[in-house]
Amino acid sequence: MVAGNKKLTDYEKYIRTEELLGLQKNEEEQCCSDELTFQTIHQIAELHFKLVIQYMNLAKDFMETSEIGKATAQLRRVDLHLKHLPEVFNMVKVISPSDYHIIRLSLGQGSGQDSPGFNDILKLGPTLWAPFELLLKERGLTVLELLKNGESHFPLFELMQELISVDESFQTFRYNHLQLVRRMIGLQTQSLKGVPAQMLERGIKFEFYPELWKGICELTDLTGSSYGAKPLDE
């Protein structure tokens, strides 16, 4: 394959840079210069989502075959991407609010709510609970017991900690995205799809693994550290 008179390198062929860099609007098509920024950042985010989905599916497969260490390793990858995504979207902030609205109007009826990657993660995340719960049952454990005796079941305890981290990081990502929306378009408004932007606030409270968060509360109540703490001796 030749680009003009230039022969493509093996790197360009393997990464498919011609196709990749041709996926954005050219200068003549752009509604403003920052449309390239907007489009590229959201394409980058979709690639992160694609990797998160792959790693979540692998983690689920490994849990189903009781390969706990491998499942934990995949969840660490998920967590790494989820922690990085807020910084990816922070690059949108270089766009002025007025130009941002010009770009949004050029989306037609498009909206971030339609992101296929994000919506797939919303559906996929909770499905990791069933194979984890089965691992607990096979060992005669509850979440509370695993929290109390993590050292005795350390590989499974580490897996649980990664599930909690993934859930926490996804909630943090959604909070950061809400703050981005607040900064760029405000919350007392309607999105392009006619849905109040304030609905994003509800999404922050969504949990993949409510049973794990409940277990943490149960441990706190069990140890009595919530109430009735005694002052230290002088």
Protein backbone atom coordinates (compact mmCIF):
# COMPACT_ATOMS: atom_id res chain seq x y z
CA MET A 1 0.00 0.00 0.00
CA VAL A 2 1.31 3.42 -0.92
CA ALA A 3 0.28 6.80 0.51
CA GLY A 4 0.83 9.19 -2.42
CA ASN A 5 4.39 8.42 -3.46
CA LYS A 6 5.35 7.23 0.00
CA LYS A 7 5.66 3.56 0.78
CA LEU A 8 4.07 2.68 4.10
CA THR A 9 6.30 1.33 6.86
CA ASP A 10 5.47 -1.91 8.61
CA TYR A 11 4.47 0.17 11.64
CA GLU A 12 1.97 2.16 9.56
CA LYS A 13 0.59 -1.03 8.06
CA TYR A 14 0.23 -2.79 11.40
CA ILE A 15 -1.29 0.18 13.28
CA ARG A 16 -3.29 1.08 10.17
CA THR A 17 -2.44 4.73 10.62
CA GLU A 18 -3.94 5.78 7.27
CA GLU A 19 -7.35 4.49 8.31
CA LEU A 20 -7.00 5.66 11.90
CA LEU A 21 -6.05 9.23 11.01
CA GLY A 22 -8.71 9.34 8.34
CA LEU A 23 -11.51 8.80 10.83
CA GLN A 24 -11.72 12.47 11.78
CA LYS A 25 -13.30 15.29 9.78
CA ASN A 26 -10.89 17.12 7.54
CA GLU A 27 -10.38 20.86 7.88
CA GLU A 28 -12.98 21.73 5.23
CA GLU A 29 -15.66 19.67 6.98
CA GLN A 30 -15.10 21.01 10.50
CA CYS A 31 -17.66 23.40 11.99
CA CYS A 32 -14.81 25.03 13.93
CA SER A 33 -11.14 24.26 14.54
CA ASP A 34 -11.80 22.57 17.90
CA GLU A 35 -14.14 20.02 16.36
CA LEU A 36 -11.01 17.94 15.67
CA THR A 37 -10.21 18.07 19.39
CA PHE A 38 -13.75 17.04 20.34
CA GLN A 39 -13.95 14.18 17.85
CA THR A 40 -10.47 12.82 18.54
CA ILE A 41 -10.88 12.81 22.32
CA HIS A 42 -14.17 10.94 22.12
CA GLN A 43 -12.65 8.43 19.70
CA ILE A 44 -9.78 7.89 22.15
CA ALA A 45 -12.33 7.32 24.93
CA GLU A 46 -14.15 4.70 22.84
CA LEU A 47 -10.86 2.83 22.39
CA HIS A 48 -10.35 2.85 26.16
CA PHE A 49 -13.88 1.52 26.58
CA LYS A 50 -13.11 -1.22 24.04
CA LEU A 51 -10.15 -2.38 26.13
CA VAL A 52 -12.15 -2.21 29.37
CA ILE A 53 -14.80 -4.44 27.81
CA GLN A 54 -12.19 -6.97 26.68
CA TYR A 55 -10.57 -7.08 30.12
CA MET A 56 -13.92 -7.40 31.90
CA ASN A 57 -14.91 -10.32 29.69
CA LEU A 58 -11.57 -12.01 30.35
CA ALA A 59 -11.92 -11.44 34.10
CA LYS A 60 -15.36 -13.02 33.99
CA ASP A 61 -14.06 -16.01 32.02
CA PHE A 62 -11.19 -16.52 34.47
CA MET A 63 -13.53 -16.34 37.47
CA GLU A 64 -15.76 -18.95 35.88
CA THR A 65 -12.76 -21.30 35.58
CA SER A 66 -11.54 -20.44 39.12
CA GLU A 67 -8.36 -18.80 37.81
CA ILE A 68 -8.51 -16.14 40.49
CA GLY A 69 -5.08 -14.59 39.99
CA LYS A 70 -5.65 -14.13 36.27
CA ALA A 71 -9.06 -12.57 36.91
CA THR A 72 -7.51 -10.14 39.38
CA ALA A 73 -4.85 -9.15 36.84
CA GLN A 74 -7.50 -8.31 34.25
CA LEU A 75 -9.45 -6.21 36.73
CA ARG A 76 -6.30 -4.24 37.53
CA ARG A 77 -6.16 -3.35 33.84
CA VAL A 78 -9.79 -2.25 33.93
CA ASP A 79 -9.08 -0.06 36.94
CA LEU A 80 -6.05 1.50 35.23
CA HIS A 81 -8.13 2.59 32.24
CA LEU A 82 -11.01 3.86 34.35
CA LYS A 83 -8.61 5.98 36.38
CA HIS A 84 -7.09 7.42 33.19
CA LEU A 85 -10.38 8.25 31.45
CA PRO A 86 -11.12 11.43 33.46
CA GLU A 87 -7.81 12.88 32.23
CA VAL A 88 -8.73 11.98 28.66
CA PHE A 89 -12.00 13.89 28.94
CA ASN A 90 -10.32 16.78 30.75
CA MET A 91 -8.72 17.65 27.40
CA VAL A 92 -12.19 18.70 26.22
CA LYS A 93 -11.91 21.67 28.57
CA VAL A 94 -9.55 23.46 26.18
CA ILE A 95 -12.60 24.10 23.97
CA SER A 96 -14.39 27.38 24.70
CA PRO A 97 -18.03 26.97 25.82
CA SER A 98 -19.29 28.88 22.76
CA ASP A 99 -17.38 26.64 20.34
CA TYR A 100 -18.50 23.61 22.36
CA HIS A 101 -22.12 24.48 21.59
CA ILE A 102 -21.35 24.88 17.90
CA ILE A 103 -19.85 21.38 17.94
CA ARG A 104 -22.78 19.90 19.90
CA LEU A 105 -25.24 21.28 17.38
CA SER A 106 -23.25 19.65 14.58
CA LEU A 107 -23.86 16.27 16.27
CA GLY A 108 -27.47 16.36 15.15
CA GLN A 109 -29.32 14.25 17.71
CA GLY A 110 -26.09 12.67 18.89
CA SER A 111 -25.22 12.56 22.58
CA GLY A 112 -22.63 11.05 24.88
CA GLN A 113 -25.50 8.99 26.28
CA ASP A 114 -25.29 7.00 23.03
CA SER A 115 -21.67 5.91 23.57
CA PRO A 116 -21.69 2.18 22.72
CA GLY A 117 -18.62 1.48 24.82
CA PHE A 118 -19.92 3.22 27.92
CA ASN A 119 -23.33 1.56 27.63
CA ASP A 120 -21.74 -1.87 27.16
CA ILE A 121 -19.69 -1.36 30.34
CA LEU A 122 -22.85 -0.39 32.21
CA LYS A 123 -24.38 -3.74 31.21
CA LEU A 124 -21.25 -5.85 31.55
CA GLY A 125 -19.97 -4.60 34.91
CA PRO A 126 -22.72 -6.15 37.06
CA THR A 127 -22.36 -9.53 35.34
CA LEU A 128 -19.04 -10.08 37.12
CA TRP A 129 -20.89 -10.48 40.41
CA ALA A 130 -22.39 -13.91 39.66
CA PRO A 131 -19.07 -15.73 39.07
CA PHE A 132 -17.53 -14.02 42.10
CA GLU A 133 -20.48 -14.99 44.27
CA LEU A 134 -20.09 -18.59 43.08
CA LEU A 135 -16.43 -18.52 44.14
CA LEU A 136 -17.58 -17.42 47.59
CA LYS A 137 -20.23 -20.14 47.83
CA GLU A 138 -17.78 -22.85 46.74
CA ARG A 139 -15.67 -21.90 49.75
CA GLY A 140 -18.59 -21.49 52.12
CA LEU A 141 -17.92 -17.77 52.51
CA THR A 142 -19.92 -14.59 52.66
CA VAL A 143 -18.60 -11.14 51.76
CA LEU A 144 -18.44 -10.28 55.46
CA GLU A 145 -16.46 -13.42 56.29
CA LEU A 146 -14.01 -12.73 53.47
CA LEU A 147 -13.53 -9.18 54.74
CA LYS A 148 -12.92 -10.51 58.25
CA ASN A 149 -10.54 -13.30 57.21
CA GLY A 150 -8.83 -11.98 54.10
CA GLU A 151 -5.44 -13.44 54.99
CA SER A 152 -6.89 -16.95 55.05
CA HIS A 153 -8.30 -16.57 51.53
CA PHE A 154 -5.89 -14.00 50.18
CA PRO A 155 -6.22 -14.59 46.38
CA LEU A 156 -10.00 -14.29 46.63
CA PHE A 157 -9.66 -11.30 48.97
CA GLU A 158 -7.45 -9.55 46.41
CA LEU A 159 -10.03 -10.28 43.70
CA MET A 160 -12.74 -8.75 45.86
CA GLN A 161 -10.60 -5.66 46.46
CA GLU A 162 -10.15 -5.22 42.72
CA LEU A 163 -13.88 -5.52 42.12
CA ILE A 164 -14.39 -2.77 44.69
CA SER A 165 -11.69 -0.64 43.05
CA VAL A 166 -13.27 -1.05 39.60
CA ASP A 167 -16.68 -0.08 40.98
CA GLU A 168 -15.20 2.92 42.78
CA SER A 169 -13.20 4.06 39.74
CA PHE A 170 -16.24 3.82 37.48
CA GLN A 171 -18.28 5.92 39.90
CA THR A 172 -15.40 8.44 40.07
CA PHE A 173 -15.23 8.57 36.27
CA ARG A 174 -18.96 9.30 36.12
CA TYR A 175 -18.59 12.05 38.73
CA ASN A 176 -15.76 13.65 36.77
CA HIS A 177 -17.84 13.47 33.61
CA LEU A 178 -20.71 15.16 35.43
CA GLN A 179 -18.34 17.98 36.42
CA LEU A 180 -17.26 18.29 32.79
CA VAL A 181 -20.89 18.59 31.68
CA ARG A 182 -21.50 21.13 34.42
CA ARG A 183 -18.57 23.22 33.23
CA MET A 184 -19.29 23.05 29.51
CA ILE A 185 -23.11 23.12 29.27
CA GLY A 186 -24.44 23.42 32.83
CA LEU A 187 -26.80 21.17 34.77
CA GLN A 188 -29.95 23.31 34.66
CA THR A 189 -30.49 22.56 31.00
CA GLN A 190 -31.71 19.96 28.53
CA SER A 191 -29.34 17.74 26.57
CA LEU A 192 -29.63 17.38 22.81
CA LYS A 193 -31.83 14.32 23.39
CA GLY A 194 -34.20 16.24 25.64
CA VAL A 195 -32.99 14.56 28.84
CA PRO A 196 -32.06 16.84 31.76
CA ALA A 197 -28.33 16.88 32.34
CA GLN A 198 -29.13 16.52 36.05
CA MET A 199 -30.01 12.88 35.35
CA LEU A 200 -26.26 12.31 35.24
CA GLU A 201 -26.23 12.93 38.99
CA ARG A 202 -28.30 9.83 39.55
CA GLY A 203 -25.85 7.73 37.60
CA ILE A 204 -23.07 8.51 40.07
CA LYS A 205 -24.91 6.51 42.72
CA PHE A 206 -25.15 3.42 40.51
CA GLU A 207 -23.09 0.51 41.88
CA PHE A 208 -21.90 -2.59 40.07
CA TYR A 209 -21.51 -4.58 43.29
CA PRO A 210 -23.80 -3.27 46.06
CA GLU A 211 -23.23 -6.50 47.99
CA LEU A 212 -19.56 -5.62 48.44
CA TRP A 213 -20.32 -2.12 49.71
CA LYS A 214 -22.92 -3.58 52.07
CA GLY A 215 -20.32 -6.02 53.39
CA ILE A 216 -17.99 -3.14 54.28
CA CYS A 217 -20.80 -1.53 56.30
CA GLU A 218 -21.55 -4.84 58.02
CA LEU A 219 -17.91 -5.19 59.06
CA THR A 220 -17.93 -1.68 60.51
CA ASP A 221 -21.09 -2.41 62.48
CA LEU A 222 -19.76 -5.78 63.63
CA THR A 223 -16.57 -4.32 65.03
CA GLY A 224 -18.50 -1.59 66.84
CA SER A 225 -16.33 1.13 65.35
CA SER A 226 -19.36 3.12 64.15
CA TYR A 227 -20.63 4.06 67.60
CA GLY A 228 -19.59 4.13 71.19
CA ALA A 229 -15.86 4.62 70.68
CA LYS A 230 -14.09 5.21 73.97
CA PRO A 231 -11.61 8.07 74.42
CA LEU A 232 -7.95 7.15 74.59
CA ASP A 233 -6.40 7.05 78.02
CA GLU A 234 -4.39 10.15 78.86
